[in-house]
C-alpha atoms as a PDB file:
ATOM      1  CA  MET A   1      63.482 -40.434 -63.083  1.00  0.00           C
ATOM      2  CA  ALA A   2      59.732 -40.973 -62.776  1.00  0.00           C
ATOM      3  CA  MET A   3      59.263 -37.368 -61.683  1.00  0.00           C
ATOM      4  CA  GLY A   4      61.252 -36.001 -64.635  1.00  0.00           C
ATOM      5  CA  ASN A   5      59.367 -38.091 -67.182  1.00  0.00           C
ATOM      6  CA  GLY A   6      56.065 -37.249 -65.491  1.00  0.00           C
ATOM      7  CA  VAL A   7      56.678 -33.499 -65.432  1.00  0.00           C
ATOM      8  CA  ALA A   8      57.476 -33.672 -69.159  1.00  0.00           C
ATOM      9  CA  ALA A   9      54.138 -35.429 -69.675  1.00  0.00           C
ATOM     10  CA  ILE A  10      52.428 -32.667 -67.675  1.00  0.00           C
ATOM     11  CA  ASP A  11      53.917 -30.230 -70.205  1.00  0.00           C
ATOM     12  CA  GLY A  12      52.549 -32.341 -73.057  1.00  0.00           C
ATOM     13  CA  VAL A  13      55.627 -34.286 -74.205  1.00  0.00           C
ATOM     14  CA  PHE A  14      56.238 -37.968 -73.501  1.00  0.00           C
ATOM     15  CA  SER A  15      58.025 -40.919 -75.106  1.00  0.00           C
ATOM     16  CA  TRP A  16      57.678 -44.433 -73.673  1.00  0.00           C
ATOM     17  CA  SER A  17      61.034 -45.526 -75.117  1.00  0.00           C
ATOM     18  CA  ILE A  18      62.870 -42.623 -73.456  1.00  0.00           C
ATOM     19  CA  ALA A  19      61.001 -43.175 -70.196  1.00  0.00           C
ATOM     20  CA  SER A  20      61.747 -46.915 -70.175  1.00  0.00           C
ATOM     21  CA  LEU A  21      65.446 -46.558 -70.919  1.00  0.00           C
ATOM     22  CA  SER A  22      65.876 -43.707 -68.436  1.00  0.00           C
ATOM     23  CA  LEU A  23      64.264 -45.798 -65.692  1.00  0.00           C
ATOM     24  CA  LEU A  24      66.422 -48.818 -66.617  1.00  0.00           C
ATOM     25  CA  THR A  25      69.575 -46.685 -66.515  1.00  0.00           C
ATOM     26  CA  ALA A  26      68.575 -45.212 -63.157  1.00  0.00           C
ATOM     27  CA  LEU A  27      67.865 -48.677 -61.757  1.00  0.00           C
ATOM     28  CA  LEU A  28      71.271 -49.959 -62.867  1.00  0.00           C
ATOM     29  CA  LEU A  29      73.003 -46.921 -61.349  1.00  0.00           C
ATOM     30  CA  GLN A  30      71.143 -47.478 -58.071  1.00  0.00           C
ATOM     31  CA  ILE A  31      72.160 -51.151 -58.013  1.00  0.00           C
ATOM     32  CA  MET A  32      75.741 -50.184 -58.790  1.00  0.00           C
ATOM     33  CA  SER A  33      75.706 -47.611 -55.989  1.00  0.00           C
ATOM     34  CA  ASN A  34      74.400 -50.170 -53.494  1.00  0.00           C
ATOM     35  CA  LEU A  35      77.047 -52.711 -54.491  1.00  0.00           C
ATOM     36  CA  ALA A  36      79.786 -50.077 -54.372  1.00  0.00           C
ATOM     37  CA  ASN A  37      78.646 -49.005 -50.898  1.00  0.00           C
ATOM     38  CA  ASP A  38      78.768 -52.617 -49.716  1.00  0.00           C
ATOM     39  CA  TYR A  39      82.285 -52.973 -51.106  1.00  0.00           C
ATOM     40  CA  GLY A  40      83.529 -49.533 -50.043  1.00  0.00           C
ATOM     41  CA  ASP A  41      82.233 -49.617 -46.481  1.00  0.00           C
ATOM     42  CA  SER A  42      83.735 -53.068 -45.986  1.00  0.00           C
ATOM     43  CA  ILE A  43      87.240 -52.081 -47.077  1.00  0.00           C
ATOM     44  CA  HIS A  44      87.172 -48.734 -45.252  1.00  0.00           C
ATOM     45  CA  GLY A  45      85.850 -50.147 -41.983  1.00  0.00           C
ATOM     46  CA  ALA A  46      82.364 -48.595 -41.743  1.00  0.00           C
ATOM     47  CA  ASP A  47      80.762 -52.055 -41.803  1.00  0.00           C
ATOM     48  CA  ASN A  48      81.912 -53.072 -38.347  1.00  0.00           C
ATOM     49  CA  THR A  49      80.311 -54.594 -35.264  1.00  0.00           C
ATOM     50  CA  ASP A  50      78.744 -51.215 -34.322  1.00  0.00           C
ATOM     51  CA  ARG A  51      76.687 -51.063 -37.520  1.00  0.00           C
ATOM     52  CA  VAL A  52      72.913 -51.227 -36.941  1.00  0.00           C
ATOM     53  CA  GLY A  53      71.355 -51.735 -40.389  1.00  0.00           C
ATOM     54  CA  PRO A  54      70.831 -54.868 -42.482  1.00  0.00           C
ATOM     55  CA  THR A  55      73.743 -57.261 -42.950  1.00  0.00           C
ATOM     56  CA  ARG A  56      75.973 -56.511 -45.925  1.00  0.00           C
ATOM     57  CA  ALA A  57      77.176 -59.192 -48.353  1.00  0.00           C
ATOM     58  CA  VAL A  58      80.911 -58.576 -47.896  1.00  0.00           C
ATOM     59  CA  GLN A  59      80.591 -57.959 -44.159  1.00  0.00           C
ATOM     60  CA  SER A  60      78.785 -61.276 -43.671  1.00  0.00           C
ATOM     61  CA  GLY A  61      81.245 -63.214 -45.838  1.00  0.00           C
ATOM     62  CA  LEU A  62      78.629 -64.032 -48.482  1.00  0.00           C
ATOM     63  CA  LEU A  63      80.887 -62.477 -51.129  1.00  0.00           C
ATOM     64  CA  ALA A  64      84.577 -61.640 -51.175  1.00  0.00           C
ATOM     65  CA  SER A  65      85.439 -57.983 -51.592  1.00  0.00           C
ATOM     66  CA  GLU A  66      86.975 -58.561 -55.028  1.00  0.00           C
ATOM     67  CA  GLU A  67      83.844 -60.399 -56.164  1.00  0.00           C
ATOM     68  CA  MET A  68      81.717 -57.441 -55.050  1.00  0.00           C
ATOM     69  CA  LYS A  69      84.054 -55.041 -56.839  1.00  0.00           C
ATOM     70  CA  SER A  70      83.730 -57.066 -60.061  1.00  0.00           C
ATOM     71  CA  ALA A  71      79.942 -57.114 -59.775  1.00  0.00           C
ATOM     72  CA  THR A  72      79.959 -53.340 -59.263  1.00  0.00           C
ATOM     73  CA  MET A  73      82.041 -52.805 -62.395  1.00  0.00           C
ATOM     74  CA  LEU A  74      79.778 -55.086 -64.446  1.00  0.00           C
ATOM     75  CA  ILE A  75      76.615 -53.225 -63.420  1.00  0.00           C
ATOM     76  CA  GLY A  76      78.374 -49.925 -64.116  1.00  0.00           C
ATOM     77  CA  LEU A  77      79.180 -51.119 -67.653  1.00  0.00           C
ATOM     78  CA  LEU A  78      75.552 -52.132 -68.195  1.00  0.00           C
ATOM     79  CA  ALA A  79      74.418 -48.705 -66.943  1.00  0.00           C
ATOM     80  CA  PHE A  80      76.785 -47.045 -69.427  1.00  0.00           C
ATOM     81  CA  VAL A  81      75.435 -49.115 -72.341  1.00  0.00           C
ATOM     82  CA  SER A  82      71.840 -48.414 -71.302  1.00  0.00           C
ATOM     83  CA  GLY A  83      72.608 -44.707 -71.015  1.00  0.00           C
ATOM     84  CA  LEU A  84      74.186 -44.577 -74.468  1.00  0.00           C
ATOM     85  CA  SER A  85      71.127 -46.296 -75.940  1.00  0.00           C
ATOM     86  CA  LEU A  86      68.941 -43.705 -74.236  1.00  0.00           C
ATOM     87  CA  LEU A  87      70.915 -40.803 -75.690  1.00  0.00           C
ATOM     88  CA  TRP A  88      70.914 -42.367 -79.167  1.00  0.00           C
ATOM     89  CA  ILE A  89      67.107 -42.449 -79.093  1.00  0.00           C
ATOM     90  CA  ALA A  90      66.579 -39.061 -77.439  1.00  0.00           C
ATOM     91  CA  PHE A  91      69.005 -36.786 -79.308  1.00  0.00           C
ATOM     92  CA  THR A  92      70.081 -36.055 -82.849  1.00  0.00           C
ATOM     93  CA  SER A  93      72.595 -33.371 -81.882  1.00  0.00           C
ATOM     94  CA  LEU A  94      76.169 -34.617 -81.366  1.00  0.00           C
ATOM     95  CA  VAL A  95      76.775 -31.859 -78.806  1.00  0.00           C
ATOM     96  CA  SER A  96      73.802 -33.040 -76.732  1.00  0.00           C
ATOM     97  CA  ILE A  97      74.899 -36.683 -76.950  1.00  0.00           C
ATOM     98  CA  LEU A  98      78.460 -35.863 -75.875  1.00  0.00           C
ATOM     99  CA  SER A  99      77.273 -33.565 -73.069  1.00  0.00           C
ATOM    100  CA  PHE A 100      74.926 -36.153 -71.599  1.00  0.00           C
ATOM    101  CA  THR A 101      77.537 -38.900 -72.089  1.00  0.00           C
ATOM    102  CA  ALA A 102      79.921 -36.884 -69.927  1.00  0.00           C
ATOM    103  CA  LEU A 103      77.156 -36.455 -67.368  1.00  0.00           C
ATOM    104  CA  GLY A 104      76.535 -40.209 -67.410  1.00  0.00           C
ATOM    105  CA  VAL A 105      80.221 -40.987 -66.886  1.00  0.00           C
ATOM    106  CA  LEU A 106      80.211 -38.547 -63.960  1.00  0.00           C
ATOM    107  CA  ALA A 107      77.168 -40.307 -62.480  1.00  0.00           C
ATOM    108  CA  ILE A 108      78.922 -43.693 -62.713  1.00  0.00           C
ATOM    109  CA  TRP A 109      82.051 -42.219 -61.121  1.00  0.00           C
ATOM    110  CA  ALA A 110      79.954 -40.708 -58.321  1.00  0.00           C
ATOM    111  CA  ALA A 111      78.096 -43.985 -57.692  1.00  0.00           C
ATOM    112  CA  TYR A 112      81.382 -45.835 -57.254  1.00  0.00           C
ATOM    113  CA  ASN A 113      83.442 -43.258 -55.395  1.00  0.00           C
ATOM    114  CA  TYR A 114      80.831 -42.393 -52.774  1.00  0.00           C
ATOM    115  CA  THR A 115      82.314 -45.015 -50.424  1.00  0.00           C
ATOM    116  CA  ALA A 116      84.737 -46.931 -52.677  1.00  0.00           C
ATOM    117  CA  GLY A 117      87.940 -45.730 -54.300  1.00  0.00           C
ATOM    118  CA  ASP A 118      91.054 -44.359 -52.620  1.00  0.00           C
ATOM    119  CA  ARG A 119      89.426 -41.117 -51.437  1.00  0.00           C
ATOM    120  CA  PRO A 120      85.668 -41.735 -51.068  1.00  0.00           C
ATOM    121  CA  TYR A 121      83.863 -38.397 -50.930  1.00  0.00           C
ATOM    122  CA  GLY A 122      81.087 -39.887 -48.767  1.00  0.00           C
ATOM    123  CA  TYR A 123      83.674 -40.095 -45.988  1.00  0.00           C
ATOM    124  CA  ALA A 124      84.281 -36.335 -46.279  1.00  0.00           C
ATOM    125  CA  GLY A 125      80.694 -35.177 -45.744  1.00  0.00           C
ATOM    126  CA  LEU A 126      79.913 -34.649 -49.447  1.00  0.00           C
ATOM    127  CA  GLY A 127      77.395 -37.470 -49.868  1.00  0.00           C
ATOM    128  CA  ASP A 128      74.377 -35.240 -49.253  1.00  0.00           C
ATOM    129  CA  LEU A 129      75.394 -32.780 -51.959  1.00  0.00           C
ATOM    130  CA  SER A 130      76.001 -35.612 -54.423  1.00  0.00           C
ATOM    131  CA  VAL A 131      72.618 -37.220 -53.704  1.00  0.00           C
ATOM    132  CA  TYR A 132      70.830 -33.883 -54.164  1.00  0.00           C
ATOM    133  CA  CYS A 133      72.569 -33.254 -57.481  1.00  0.00           C
ATOM    134  CA  PHE A 134      72.173 -36.728 -58.996  1.00  0.00           C
ATOM    135  CA  PHE A 135      68.814 -37.850 -57.521  1.00  0.00           C
ATOM    136  CA  GLY A 136      67.296 -34.396 -57.861  1.00  0.00           C
ATOM    137  CA  LEU A 137      68.767 -32.093 -60.479  1.00  0.00           C
ATOM    138  CA  VAL A 138      70.257 -34.678 -62.838  1.00  0.00           C
ATOM    139  CA  ALA A 139      67.480 -37.269 -62.545  1.00  0.00           C
ATOM    140  CA  VAL A 140      64.512 -34.911 -62.861  1.00  0.00           C
ATOM    141  CA  LEU A 141      65.913 -32.111 -65.014  1.00  0.00           C
ATOM    142  CA  GLY A 142      67.868 -34.587 -67.112  1.00  0.00           C
ATOM    143  CA  CYS A 143      64.800 -36.690 -67.908  1.00  0.00           C
ATOM    144  CA  TYR A 144      62.774 -33.571 -68.617  1.00  0.00           C
ATOM    145  CA  VAL A 145      65.375 -32.378 -71.144  1.00  0.00           C
ATOM    146  CA  LEU A 146      65.601 -35.857 -72.695  1.00  0.00           C
ATOM    147  CA  GLN A 147      61.847 -35.864 -73.222  1.00  0.00           C
ATOM    148  CA  THR A 148      61.255 -32.244 -74.280  1.00  0.00           C
ATOM    149  CA  GLN A 149      64.660 -31.143 -75.658  1.00  0.00           C
ATOM    150  CA  GLU A 150      64.110 -27.992 -73.568  1.00  0.00           C
ATOM    151  CA  PHE A 151      65.131 -26.583 -70.181  1.00  0.00           C
ATOM    152  CA  SER A 152      62.552 -25.131 -67.774  1.00  0.00           C
ATOM    153  CA  TRP A 153      63.419 -23.245 -64.594  1.00  0.00           C
ATOM    154  CA  TRP A 154      60.123 -24.351 -63.041  1.00  0.00           C
ATOM    155  CA  VAL A 155      61.287 -27.971 -63.143  1.00  0.00           C
ATOM    156  CA  LEU A 156      63.900 -27.035 -60.545  1.00  0.00           C
ATOM    157  CA  LEU A 157      61.073 -27.123 -57.981  1.00  0.00           C
ATOM    158  CA  PRO A 158      60.050 -30.809 -58.347  1.00  0.00           C
ATOM    159  CA  ALA A 159      63.728 -31.634 -58.928  1.00  0.00           C
ATOM    160  CA  THR A 160      64.578 -30.064 -55.585  1.00  0.00           C
ATOM    161  CA  THR A 161      61.700 -31.953 -53.946  1.00  0.00           C
ATOM    162  CA  CYS A 162      63.074 -35.297 -55.142  1.00  0.00           C
ATOM    163  CA  GLY A 163      66.647 -34.320 -54.356  1.00  0.00           C
ATOM    164  CA  LEU A 164      65.972 -33.172 -50.791  1.00  0.00           C
ATOM    165  CA  LEU A 165      63.796 -36.167 -49.937  1.00  0.00           C
ATOM    166  CA  SER A 166      66.538 -38.445 -51.279  1.00  0.00           C
ATOM    167  CA  VAL A 167      69.019 -36.610 -49.064  1.00  0.00           C
ATOM    168  CA  GLY A 168      66.540 -37.182 -46.226  1.00  0.00           C
ATOM    169  CA  VAL A 169      66.692 -40.940 -46.801  1.00  0.00           C
ATOM    170  CA  LEU A 170      70.497 -40.768 -46.736  1.00  0.00           C
ATOM    171  CA  ASN A 171      70.388 -38.645 -43.586  1.00  0.00           C
ATOM    172  CA  VAL A 172      68.260 -41.222 -41.744  1.00  0.00           C
ATOM    173  CA  ASN A 173      70.765 -43.879 -42.826  1.00  0.00           C
ATOM    174  CA  ASN A 174      73.656 -41.762 -41.561  1.00  0.00           C
ATOM    175  CA  MET A 175      71.935 -40.933 -38.265  1.00  0.00           C
ATOM    176  CA  ARG A 176      71.349 -44.651 -37.741  1.00  0.00           C
ATOM    177  CA  ASP A 177      75.010 -45.429 -38.488  1.00  0.00           C
ATOM    178  CA  ILE A 178      76.486 -42.470 -36.592  1.00  0.00           C
ATOM    179  CA  THR A 179      78.381 -44.653 -34.093  1.00  0.00           C
ATOM    180  CA  SER A 180      79.958 -47.029 -36.620  1.00  0.00           C
ATOM    181  CA  ASP A 181      80.693 -44.175 -39.048  1.00  0.00           C
ATOM    182  CA  HIS A 182      82.430 -42.187 -36.328  1.00  0.00           C
ATOM    183  CA  SER A 183      84.543 -45.216 -35.402  1.00  0.00           C
ATOM    184  CA  ALA A 184      85.538 -45.734 -39.038  1.00  0.00           C
ATOM    185  CA  GLY A 185      86.389 -42.074 -39.630  1.00  0.00           C
ATOM    186  CA  LYS A 186      83.439 -41.595 -42.010  1.00  0.00           C
ATOM    187  CA  ARG A 187      82.508 -37.908 -41.643  1.00  0.00           C
ATOM    188  CA  SER A 188      78.852 -37.985 -42.622  1.00  0.00           C
ATOM    189  CA  ILE A 189      76.740 -34.924 -41.831  1.00  0.00           C
ATOM    190  CA  PRO A 190      75.402 -36.428 -38.558  1.00  0.00           C
ATOM    191  CA  VAL A 191      78.955 -37.270 -37.465  1.00  0.00           C
ATOM    192  CA  ILE A 192      80.061 -33.696 -38.228  1.00  0.00           C
ATOM    193  CA  ILE A 193      77.148 -31.796 -36.612  1.00  0.00           C
ATOM    194  CA  GLY A 194      75.890 -34.334 -34.060  1.00  0.00           C
ATOM    195  CA  LEU A 195      72.648 -36.298 -33.805  1.00  0.00           C
ATOM    196  CA  SER A 196      70.478 -33.485 -32.393  1.00  0.00           C
ATOM    197  CA  ALA A 197      71.465 -31.012 -35.115  1.00  0.00           C
ATOM    198  CA  ALA A 198      71.057 -33.757 -37.748  1.00  0.00           C
ATOM    199  CA  LYS A 199      67.415 -34.102 -36.662  1.00  0.00           C
ATOM    200  CA  VAL A 200      66.850 -30.366 -37.236  1.00  0.00           C
ATOM    201  CA  TYR A 201      68.620 -30.690 -40.593  1.00  0.00           C
ATOM    202  CA  HIS A 202      66.314 -33.595 -41.455  1.00  0.00           C
ATOM    203  CA  ILE A 203      63.197 -31.578 -40.667  1.00  0.00           C
ATOM    204  CA  LEU A 204      64.420 -28.747 -42.903  1.00  0.00           C
ATOM    205  CA  LEU A 205      65.059 -31.180 -45.777  1.00  0.00           C
ATOM    206  CA  VAL A 206      61.513 -32.553 -45.689  1.00  0.00           C
ATOM    207  CA  VAL A 207      59.781 -29.204 -45.109  1.00  0.00           C
ATOM    208  CA  ILE A 208      61.645 -27.420 -47.926  1.00  0.00           C
ATOM    209  CA  ALA A 209      60.964 -30.374 -50.248  1.00  0.00           C
ATOM    210  CA  TRP A 210      57.240 -30.007 -49.586  1.00  0.00           C
ATOM    211  CA  ILE A 211      57.309 -26.220 -50.027  1.00  0.00           C
ATOM    212  CA  CYS A 212      58.927 -26.604 -53.467  1.00  0.00           C
ATOM    213  CA  LEU A 213      56.257 -29.065 -54.605  1.00  0.00           C
ATOM    214  CA  LEU A 214      53.440 -26.870 -53.285  1.00  0.00           C
ATOM    215  CA  ILE A 215      54.834 -23.849 -55.128  1.00  0.00           C
ATOM    216  CA  TYR A 216      55.117 -25.822 -58.371  1.00  0.00           C
ATOM    217  CA  THR A 217      51.538 -27.046 -58.009  1.00  0.00           C
ATOM    218  CA  ASN A 218      50.287 -23.509 -57.420  1.00  0.00           C
ATOM    219  CA  VAL A 219      52.027 -22.340 -60.601  1.00  0.00           C
ATOM    220  CA  LYS A 220      50.933 -25.249 -62.818  1.00  0.00           C
ATOM    221  CA  MET A 221      47.497 -25.958 -61.287  1.00  0.00           C
ATOM    222  CA  ASN A 222      44.593 -26.339 -63.717  1.00  0.00           C
ATOM    223  CA  HIS A 223      42.321 -28.578 -61.623  1.00  0.00           C
ATOM    224  CA  LEU A 224      41.587 -29.119 -57.947  1.00  0.00           C
ATOM    225  CA  ALA A 225      42.744 -32.742 -58.324  1.00  0.00           C
ATOM    226  CA  ASN A 226      46.293 -31.458 -58.802  1.00  0.00           C
ATOM    227  CA  TRP A 227      46.396 -30.984 -55.020  1.00  0.00           C
ATOM    228  CA  SER A 228      45.320 -34.544 -54.196  1.00  0.00           C
ATOM    229  CA  TYR A 229      48.825 -35.579 -53.093  1.00  0.00           C
ATOM    230  CA  VAL A 230      48.452 -33.300 -50.058  1.00  0.00           C
ATOM    231  CA  VAL A 231      46.525 -36.122 -48.343  1.00  0.00           C
ATOM    232  CA  LEU A 232      49.935 -37.797 -47.834  1.00  0.00           C
ATOM    233  CA  MET A 233      51.292 -34.922 -45.759  1.00  0.00           C
ATOM    234  CA  PRO A 234      50.325 -36.558 -42.424  1.00  0.00           C
ATOM    235  CA  LEU A 235      52.674 -39.473 -43.264  1.00  0.00           C
ATOM    236  CA  PHE A 236      55.588 -37.063 -43.454  1.00  0.00           C
ATOM    237  CA  LEU A 237      54.547 -35.142 -40.346  1.00  0.00           C
ATOM    238  CA  ARG A 238      54.349 -38.423 -38.439  1.00  0.00           C
ATOM    239  CA  HIS A 239      57.773 -39.385 -39.778  1.00  0.00           C
ATOM    240  CA  LEU A 240      59.293 -36.086 -38.617  1.00  0.00           C
ATOM    241  CA  TYR A 241      57.697 -36.434 -35.191  1.00  0.00           C
ATOM    242  CA  GLN A 242      59.129 -39.935 -34.789  1.00  0.00           C
ATOM    243  CA  ILE A 243      62.583 -38.798 -35.918  1.00  0.00           C
ATOM    244  CA  TRP A 244      62.511 -35.913 -33.451  1.00  0.00           C
ATOM    245  CA  LYS A 245      61.388 -38.107 -30.554  1.00  0.00           C
ATOM    246  CA  SER A 246      63.781 -40.963 -31.295  1.00  0.00           C
ATOM    247  CA  ASP A 247      66.276 -41.284 -28.442  1.00  0.00           C
ATOM    248  CA  SER A 248      68.608 -43.836 -30.027  1.00  0.00           C
ATOM    249  CA  PRO A 249      70.215 -44.332 -33.471  1.00  0.00           C
ATOM    250  CA  GLN A 250      69.101 -47.977 -33.345  1.00  0.00           C
ATOM    251  CA  HIS A 251      65.451 -46.867 -33.385  1.00  0.00           C
ATOM    252  CA  LEU A 252      65.916 -45.006 -36.664  1.00  0.00           C
ATOM    253  CA  ASP A 253      66.342 -48.048 -38.927  1.00  0.00           C
ATOM    254  CA  PRO A 254      62.590 -48.496 -39.714  1.00  0.00           C
ATOM    255  CA  LYS A 255      62.287 -44.764 -40.446  1.00  0.00           C
ATOM    256  CA  LEU A 256      64.593 -45.122 -43.472  1.00  0.00           C
ATOM    257  CA  LYS A 257      62.198 -47.450 -45.278  1.00  0.00           C
ATOM    258  CA  GLN A 258      59.275 -45.336 -44.058  1.00  0.00           C
ATOM    259  CA  LEU A 259      60.607 -42.174 -45.731  1.00  0.00           C
ATOM    260  CA  ALA A 260      61.631 -43.991 -48.915  1.00  0.00           C
ATOM    261  CA  LEU A 261      58.149 -45.489 -49.372  1.00  0.00           C
ATOM    262  CA  SER A 262      56.434 -42.217 -48.462  1.00  0.00           C
ATOM    263  CA  THR A 263      58.554 -40.399 -51.049  1.00  0.00           C
ATOM    264  CA  ALA A 264      57.662 -42.942 -53.744  1.00  0.00           C
ATOM    265  CA  GLY A 265      53.978 -42.597 -52.817  1.00  0.00           C
ATOM    266  CA  LEU A 266      54.217 -38.802 -52.962  1.00  0.00           C
ATOM    267  CA  ILE A 267      55.713 -38.831 -56.470  1.00  0.00           C
ATOM    268  CA  ILE A 268      53.057 -41.257 -57.720  1.00  0.00           C
ATOM    269  CA  ALA A 269      50.199 -39.299 -56.119  1.00  0.00           C
ATOM    270  CA  PHE A 270      51.553 -36.007 -57.477  1.00  0.00           C
ATOM    271  CA  LEU A 271      51.819 -37.321 -61.047  1.00  0.00           C
ATOM    272  CA  VAL A 272      48.423 -39.040 -60.926  1.00  0.00           C
ATOM    273  CA  GLY A 273      46.847 -35.822 -59.660  1.00  0.00           C
ATOM    274  CA  PHE A 274      48.146 -33.949 -62.710  1.00  0.00           C
ATOM    275  CA  LEU A 275      47.950 -36.593 -65.434  1.00  0.00           C
ATOM    276  CA  ALA A 276      44.591 -38.169 -64.589  1.00  0.00           C
ATOM    277  CA  VAL A 277      42.593 -34.964 -65.243  1.00  0.00           C
END
């Protein structure tokens, strides 16, 4: 969301009210997704004794599964209300409002049915595609259109950067959980292709994400400061080296937070490099 609003500002259009509501909606959807994953993985068996990551609320007995499901539904409702408020402010066209409302409903459905529901698509190897679409294309392009009322093909580049790095975070999570996911029948990408191939896949995700951002910068550059985010590249190279050298899924847990924070830093540095000059 920050990238989409920021790229719109780079193109000279920005509204604080649209930016604030889009970020609030995104935050609520992320919270809903996390709660749904906690609930879904508990009922489908992925949160078992083989799981390596942090303790889940339902798994630990802190909350009952039905309580977690209710909390998920409540946050989803709040996300829907926030999204409608955003569209009411951003658009005057009924067609645009209805189109984005449908997209919002799809996002809520996707957040819930990734691991919850009767046929969770995250258990069929489709989580990566969903994350790319919603955290990349929808989040960045959607915010750009909300701000500018226009579509730009060039925005696909930073959208792809955000989408692929988000998939990278998911991939580290899935590589870490490969043993428990395999036991539970969760066919994540690492389970399907194996840990070694998942490492190669991870490297491609990060490298292509960087290439897209570098191409966008080359096209839009108007000052040397626009390239300042490149100083963060060693963080990503170090991350890839550590992923490649890791000999155990258990050692991958810290790398998830590492990539998430590095991605947030990259987006901030990229936007500052463009907007501060």
